[in-house]
């Protein structure tokens, strides 16, 4: 599992690169990354996240054991966030790219909230 600091460092070196999308066809492009934010281009729209938002969404996934594009609203920002976490945390999550769902590989205990994503 990568720390947020490691994610920042890696993505600062990947500006201009494309990352695969979950649920939507195509890829998103890393257009900027610094110590405060990450900027992505998804479906022709710019999506910007603070690292605090990335951290809190990651913590939500850890607590609930899954995260879906649908539960985050289904728009570009939801696709970008789930896709970003899938790419950066690939060693600890299983991604269902069709449904746009991430699930932890190894779960311990019960999730904080009941799963809402479709099971495959």
N, C-alpha and C. Protein backbone atom coordinates (compact mmCIF):
# COMPACT_ATOMS: atom_id res chain seq x y z
N UNK A 1 0.85 -1.16 0.00
CA UNK A 1 0.00 0.00 0.00
C UNK A 1 0.90 1.24 0.00
N UNK A 2 0.61 2.13 -0.93
CA UNK A 2 1.39 3.35 -1.04
C UNK A 2 0.85 4.44 -0.12
N UNK A 3 1.74 5.21 0.44
CA UNK A 3 1.32 6.37 1.21
C UNK A 3 0.92 7.49 0.25
N UNK A 4 0.18 8.45 0.75
CA UNK A 4 -0.19 9.60 -0.07
C UNK A 4 1.07 10.34 -0.52
N UNK A 5 2.07 10.41 0.33
CA UNK A 5 3.33 11.09 -0.04
C UNK A 5 4.00 10.39 -1.23
N UNK A 6 3.98 9.07 -1.23
CA UNK A 6 4.56 8.33 -2.35
C UNK A 6 3.74 8.53 -3.61
N UNK A 7 2.41 8.56 -3.46
CA UNK A 7 1.56 8.83 -4.61
C UNK A 7 1.88 10.21 -5.21
N UNK A 8 2.03 11.21 -4.36
CA UNK A 8 2.39 12.56 -4.83
C UNK A 8 3.68 12.51 -5.63
N UNK A 9 4.69 11.91 -5.04
CA UNK A 9 6.01 11.86 -5.66
C UNK A 9 5.94 11.17 -7.02
N UNK A 10 5.25 10.04 -7.09
CA UNK A 10 5.15 9.30 -8.35
C UNK A 10 4.37 10.08 -9.40
N UNK A 11 3.27 10.70 -9.01
CA UNK A 11 2.45 11.40 -9.98
C UNK A 11 3.09 12.70 -10.45
N UNK A 12 3.92 13.33 -9.63
CA UNK A 12 4.65 14.52 -10.06
C UNK A 12 5.59 14.16 -11.20
N UNK A 13 6.03 12.93 -11.27
CA UNK A 13 6.92 12.47 -12.33
C UNK A 13 6.17 11.88 -13.52
N UNK A 14 4.84 11.83 -13.43
CA UNK A 14 4.03 11.24 -14.51
C UNK A 14 3.16 12.28 -15.21
N UNK A 15 3.45 13.55 -15.00
CA UNK A 15 2.69 14.60 -15.68
C UNK A 15 2.81 14.39 -17.20
N UNK A 16 1.67 14.43 -17.87
CA UNK A 16 1.62 14.19 -19.31
C UNK A 16 1.30 12.75 -19.68
N UNK A 17 1.34 11.85 -18.70
CA UNK A 17 1.04 10.45 -18.97
C UNK A 17 -0.46 10.17 -18.85
N UNK A 18 -0.89 9.14 -19.56
CA UNK A 18 -2.27 8.68 -19.48
C UNK A 18 -2.38 7.52 -18.51
N UNK A 19 -3.48 7.50 -17.75
CA UNK A 19 -3.79 6.43 -16.83
C UNK A 19 -5.14 5.83 -17.23
N UNK A 20 -5.31 4.52 -17.13
CA UNK A 20 -6.57 3.91 -17.57
C UNK A 20 -7.76 4.32 -16.69
N UNK A 21 -8.92 4.40 -17.31
CA UNK A 21 -10.15 4.71 -16.60
C UNK A 21 -10.91 3.43 -16.27
N UNK A 22 -11.61 3.46 -15.16
CA UNK A 22 -12.55 2.40 -14.83
C UNK A 22 -13.94 2.90 -15.18
N UNK A 23 -14.78 2.01 -15.60
CA UNK A 23 -16.19 2.25 -15.94
C UNK A 23 -16.35 3.00 -17.27
N UNK A 24 -15.54 3.97 -17.55
CA UNK A 24 -15.61 4.70 -18.81
C UNK A 24 -14.51 4.20 -19.74
N UNK A 25 -14.75 4.30 -21.04
CA UNK A 25 -13.72 3.93 -22.01
C UNK A 25 -12.64 5.00 -22.03
N UNK A 26 -11.44 4.58 -22.37
CA UNK A 26 -10.36 5.54 -22.55
C UNK A 26 -9.45 5.69 -21.35
N UNK A 27 -8.82 6.86 -21.30
CA UNK A 27 -7.81 7.13 -20.28
C UNK A 27 -7.97 8.57 -19.79
N UNK A 28 -7.38 8.83 -18.65
CA UNK A 28 -7.28 10.20 -18.13
C UNK A 28 -5.81 10.58 -18.19
N UNK A 29 -5.57 11.87 -18.32
CA UNK A 29 -4.20 12.37 -18.39
C UNK A 29 -3.87 13.14 -17.13
N UNK A 30 -2.68 12.90 -16.61
CA UNK A 30 -2.17 13.68 -15.48
C UNK A 30 -1.66 15.00 -16.07
N UNK A 31 -2.32 16.11 -15.72
CA UNK A 31 -1.91 17.41 -16.27
C UNK A 31 -1.17 18.27 -15.26
N UNK A 32 -1.16 17.84 -14.01
CA UNK A 32 -0.41 18.58 -13.01
C UNK A 32 -0.48 17.89 -11.66
N UNK A 33 0.58 17.99 -10.91
CA UNK A 33 0.61 17.43 -9.55
C UNK A 33 1.64 18.20 -8.75
N UNK A 34 1.23 18.64 -7.57
CA UNK A 34 2.16 19.31 -6.67
C UNK A 34 1.86 18.86 -5.25
N UNK A 35 2.37 19.56 -4.27
CA UNK A 35 2.18 19.14 -2.88
C UNK A 35 0.76 19.34 -2.36
N UNK A 36 -0.04 20.17 -3.05
CA UNK A 36 -1.41 20.42 -2.59
C UNK A 36 -2.46 19.71 -3.41
N UNK A 37 -2.27 19.62 -4.73
CA UNK A 37 -3.32 19.12 -5.61
C UNK A 37 -2.79 18.20 -6.70
N UNK A 38 -3.73 17.49 -7.31
CA UNK A 38 -3.47 16.75 -8.54
C UNK A 38 -4.55 17.17 -9.54
N UNK A 39 -4.14 17.42 -10.77
CA UNK A 39 -5.05 17.83 -11.83
C UNK A 39 -5.03 16.76 -12.92
N UNK A 40 -6.24 16.35 -13.31
CA UNK A 40 -6.40 15.30 -14.30
C UNK A 40 -7.33 15.78 -15.40
N UNK A 41 -7.18 15.23 -16.58
CA UNK A 41 -8.07 15.51 -17.70
C UNK A 41 -8.86 14.23 -17.98
N UNK A 42 -10.18 14.31 -17.81
CA UNK A 42 -11.05 13.14 -17.96
C UNK A 42 -12.19 13.51 -18.90
N UNK A 43 -12.28 12.81 -20.01
CA UNK A 43 -13.37 13.08 -20.94
C UNK A 43 -13.41 14.53 -21.39
N UNK A 44 -12.26 15.15 -21.55
CA UNK A 44 -12.19 16.53 -21.99
C UNK A 44 -12.42 17.56 -20.90
N UNK A 45 -12.60 17.12 -19.68
CA UNK A 45 -12.82 18.05 -18.56
C UNK A 45 -11.71 17.93 -17.53
N UNK A 46 -11.36 19.07 -16.99
CA UNK A 46 -10.32 19.09 -15.95
C UNK A 46 -10.94 18.74 -14.60
N UNK A 47 -10.28 17.85 -13.90
CA UNK A 47 -10.70 17.45 -12.56
C UNK A 47 -9.52 17.69 -11.63
N UNK A 48 -9.75 18.44 -10.57
CA UNK A 48 -8.70 18.75 -9.60
C UNK A 48 -9.10 18.23 -8.23
N UNK A 49 -8.16 17.57 -7.58
CA UNK A 49 -8.37 17.07 -6.22
C UNK A 49 -7.28 17.62 -5.32
N UNK A 50 -7.66 17.92 -4.09
CA UNK A 50 -6.62 18.16 -3.08
C UNK A 50 -6.16 16.80 -2.60
N UNK A 51 -4.96 16.75 -2.06
CA UNK A 51 -4.47 15.48 -1.54
C UNK A 51 -5.25 15.06 -0.29
N UNK A 52 -5.83 16.03 0.42
CA UNK A 52 -6.69 15.69 1.56
C UNK A 52 -7.92 14.92 1.09
N UNK A 53 -8.46 15.34 -0.05
CA UNK A 53 -9.62 14.60 -0.59
C UNK A 53 -9.22 13.20 -1.02
N UNK A 54 -8.08 13.06 -1.65
CA UNK A 54 -7.61 11.73 -2.05
C UNK A 54 -7.42 10.87 -0.80
N UNK A 55 -6.81 11.45 0.22
CA UNK A 55 -6.58 10.72 1.48
C UNK A 55 -7.90 10.29 2.11
N UNK A 56 -8.86 11.19 2.20
CA UNK A 56 -10.13 10.85 2.85
C UNK A 56 -10.91 9.81 2.05
N UNK A 57 -10.81 9.85 0.74
CA UNK A 57 -11.48 8.84 -0.08
C UNK A 57 -10.80 7.49 0.09
N UNK A 58 -9.48 7.48 0.17
CA UNK A 58 -8.75 6.24 0.41
C UNK A 58 -9.13 5.66 1.78
N UNK A 59 -9.22 6.50 2.78
CA UNK A 59 -9.63 6.04 4.11
C UNK A 59 -11.05 5.49 4.10
N UNK A 60 -11.91 6.09 3.30
CA UNK A 60 -13.28 5.58 3.14
C UNK A 60 -13.25 4.18 2.54
N UNK A 61 -12.43 3.98 1.52
CA UNK A 61 -12.29 2.65 0.92
C UNK A 61 -11.77 1.64 1.94
N UNK A 62 -10.79 2.03 2.72
CA UNK A 62 -10.25 1.12 3.74
C UNK A 62 -11.32 0.75 4.77
N UNK A 63 -12.13 1.70 5.16
CA UNK A 63 -13.16 1.44 6.17
C UNK A 63 -14.32 0.61 5.62
N UNK A 64 -14.72 0.89 4.37
CA UNK A 64 -15.88 0.22 3.78
C UNK A 64 -15.51 -1.02 2.97
N UNK A 65 -14.22 -1.20 2.71
CA UNK A 65 -13.68 -2.34 1.98
C UNK A 65 -14.00 -2.32 0.49
N UNK A 66 -14.76 -1.33 0.03
CA UNK A 66 -15.02 -1.15 -1.39
C UNK A 66 -15.39 0.30 -1.67
N UNK A 67 -15.25 0.67 -2.94
CA UNK A 67 -15.57 2.03 -3.36
C UNK A 67 -16.01 1.95 -4.82
N UNK A 68 -17.09 2.65 -5.16
CA UNK A 68 -17.56 2.60 -6.54
C UNK A 68 -17.72 4.00 -7.13
N UNK A 69 -17.63 4.05 -8.44
CA UNK A 69 -17.87 5.29 -9.17
C UNK A 69 -19.29 5.78 -8.88
N UNK A 70 -20.24 4.86 -8.84
CA UNK A 70 -21.64 5.23 -8.62
C UNK A 70 -21.84 5.90 -7.27
N UNK A 71 -21.25 5.33 -6.21
CA UNK A 71 -21.46 5.92 -4.88
C UNK A 71 -20.81 7.30 -4.75
N UNK A 72 -19.83 7.60 -5.59
CA UNK A 72 -19.20 8.92 -5.57
C UNK A 72 -19.88 9.90 -6.52
N UNK A 73 -20.96 9.49 -7.17
CA UNK A 73 -21.72 10.41 -8.00
C UNK A 73 -21.75 10.11 -9.49
N UNK A 74 -20.84 9.26 -9.96
CA UNK A 74 -20.87 8.80 -11.34
C UNK A 74 -20.33 9.74 -12.41
N UNK A 75 -19.89 10.93 -12.04
CA UNK A 75 -19.40 11.89 -13.03
C UNK A 75 -17.88 11.79 -13.18
N UNK A 76 -17.31 12.74 -13.92
CA UNK A 76 -15.87 12.70 -14.20
C UNK A 76 -15.02 12.62 -12.94
N UNK A 77 -15.40 13.39 -11.91
CA UNK A 77 -14.58 13.37 -10.70
C UNK A 77 -14.63 12.02 -10.01
N UNK A 78 -15.77 11.34 -10.04
CA UNK A 78 -15.89 10.02 -9.44
C UNK A 78 -15.07 9.00 -10.22
N UNK A 79 -15.16 9.05 -11.54
CA UNK A 79 -14.38 8.14 -12.38
C UNK A 79 -12.89 8.39 -12.17
N UNK A 80 -12.50 9.65 -12.10
CA UNK A 80 -11.09 9.99 -11.91
C UNK A 80 -10.58 9.48 -10.57
N UNK A 81 -11.34 9.69 -9.50
CA UNK A 81 -10.88 9.28 -8.18
C UNK A 81 -10.73 7.77 -8.08
N UNK A 82 -11.74 7.04 -8.51
CA UNK A 82 -11.69 5.58 -8.42
C UNK A 82 -10.58 5.04 -9.32
N UNK A 83 -10.44 5.60 -10.50
CA UNK A 83 -9.38 5.17 -11.43
C UNK A 83 -8.00 5.48 -10.88
N UNK A 84 -7.85 6.66 -10.27
CA UNK A 84 -6.57 7.04 -9.67
C UNK A 84 -6.17 6.07 -8.56
N UNK A 85 -7.11 5.77 -7.67
CA UNK A 85 -6.81 4.83 -6.59
C UNK A 85 -6.54 3.44 -7.12
N UNK A 86 -7.24 3.03 -8.15
CA UNK A 86 -6.99 1.71 -8.76
C UNK A 86 -5.57 1.62 -9.30
N UNK A 87 -5.12 2.67 -9.96
CA UNK A 87 -3.77 2.69 -10.54
C UNK A 87 -2.70 2.75 -9.46
N UNK A 88 -2.87 3.63 -8.50
CA UNK A 88 -1.84 3.85 -7.49
C UNK A 88 -1.80 2.75 -6.43
N UNK A 89 -2.92 2.12 -6.14
CA UNK A 89 -2.99 1.13 -5.06
C UNK A 89 -3.27 -0.27 -5.62
N UNK A 90 -2.80 -0.55 -6.84
CA UNK A 90 -3.10 -1.81 -7.52
C UNK A 90 -2.66 -3.04 -6.73
N UNK A 91 -1.68 -2.89 -5.86
CA UNK A 91 -1.21 -4.05 -5.10
C UNK A 91 -2.16 -4.46 -3.98
N UNK A 92 -3.09 -3.58 -3.58
CA UNK A 92 -3.98 -3.90 -2.46
C UNK A 92 -5.46 -3.86 -2.81
N UNK A 93 -5.78 -3.53 -4.07
CA UNK A 93 -7.19 -3.51 -4.49
C UNK A 93 -7.40 -4.38 -5.72
N UNK A 94 -8.62 -4.83 -5.86
CA UNK A 94 -9.07 -5.52 -7.07
C UNK A 94 -10.04 -4.57 -7.75
N UNK A 95 -9.80 -4.29 -9.01
CA UNK A 95 -10.65 -3.34 -9.74
C UNK A 95 -11.55 -4.08 -10.71
N UNK A 96 -12.83 -3.77 -10.65
CA UNK A 96 -13.80 -4.24 -11.65
C UNK A 96 -14.01 -3.06 -12.58
N UNK A 97 -13.32 -3.09 -13.72
CA UNK A 97 -13.32 -1.92 -14.59
C UNK A 97 -14.67 -1.69 -15.25
N UNK A 98 -15.45 -2.72 -15.48
CA UNK A 98 -16.76 -2.54 -16.10
C UNK A 98 -17.74 -1.87 -15.15
N UNK A 99 -17.78 -2.32 -13.90
CA UNK A 99 -18.70 -1.75 -12.91
C UNK A 99 -18.14 -0.50 -12.25
N UNK A 100 -16.83 -0.27 -12.37
CA UNK A 100 -16.22 0.89 -11.72
C UNK A 100 -16.15 0.74 -10.22
N UNK A 101 -15.72 -0.45 -9.77
CA UNK A 101 -15.69 -0.77 -8.35
C UNK A 101 -14.29 -1.21 -7.95
N UNK A 102 -13.84 -0.71 -6.79
CA UNK A 102 -12.60 -1.19 -6.17
C UNK A 102 -12.97 -1.95 -4.92
N UNK A 103 -12.29 -3.07 -4.70
CA UNK A 103 -12.46 -3.84 -3.47
C UNK A 103 -11.07 -4.17 -2.93
N UNK A 104 -10.94 -4.12 -1.61
CA UNK A 104 -9.68 -4.50 -1.00
C UNK A 104 -9.41 -5.97 -1.24
N UNK A 105 -8.16 -6.32 -1.51
CA UNK A 105 -7.78 -7.73 -1.70
C UNK A 105 -7.93 -8.52 -0.41
N UNK A 106 -7.40 -8.00 0.66
CA UNK A 106 -7.44 -8.67 1.95
C UNK A 106 -8.29 -7.86 2.90
N UNK A 107 -9.39 -8.44 3.33
CA UNK A 107 -10.27 -7.73 4.25
C UNK A 107 -10.23 -8.41 5.62
N UNK A 108 -10.33 -7.60 6.64
CA UNK A 108 -10.35 -8.08 8.01
C UNK A 108 -11.50 -7.37 8.72
N UNK A 109 -12.36 -8.14 9.31
CA UNK A 109 -13.49 -7.54 10.01
C UNK A 109 -14.60 -7.15 9.05
N UNK A 110 -15.56 -6.44 9.61
CA UNK A 110 -16.72 -6.02 8.83
C UNK A 110 -16.54 -4.59 8.35
N UNK A 111 -17.13 -4.27 7.20
CA UNK A 111 -17.04 -2.89 6.71
C UNK A 111 -17.86 -1.95 7.59
N UNK A 112 -17.46 -0.69 7.60
CA UNK A 112 -18.20 0.32 8.36
C UNK A 112 -19.61 0.46 7.80
N UNK A 113 -19.73 0.50 6.47
CA UNK A 113 -21.02 0.59 5.81
C UNK A 113 -21.22 -0.67 4.96
N UNK A 114 -22.44 -1.03 4.72
CA UNK A 114 -22.73 -2.19 3.90
C UNK A 114 -22.36 -1.92 2.45
N UNK A 115 -21.85 -2.93 1.75
CA UNK A 115 -21.50 -2.76 0.33
C UNK A 115 -22.73 -2.34 -0.48
N UNK A 116 -22.51 -1.43 -1.42
CA UNK A 116 -23.59 -0.98 -2.28
C UNK A 116 -23.30 -1.27 -3.75
N UNK A 117 -22.09 -1.64 -4.06
CA UNK A 117 -21.71 -1.88 -5.44
C UNK A 117 -22.20 -3.26 -5.87
N UNK A 118 -22.46 -3.41 -7.16
CA UNK A 118 -22.87 -4.72 -7.66
C UNK A 118 -21.75 -5.73 -7.50
N UNK A 119 -22.10 -6.95 -7.17
CA UNK A 119 -21.10 -8.01 -7.07
C UNK A 119 -21.02 -8.73 -8.40
N UNK A 120 -19.83 -9.17 -8.73
CA UNK A 120 -19.63 -9.86 -10.01
C UNK A 120 -19.15 -11.26 -9.74
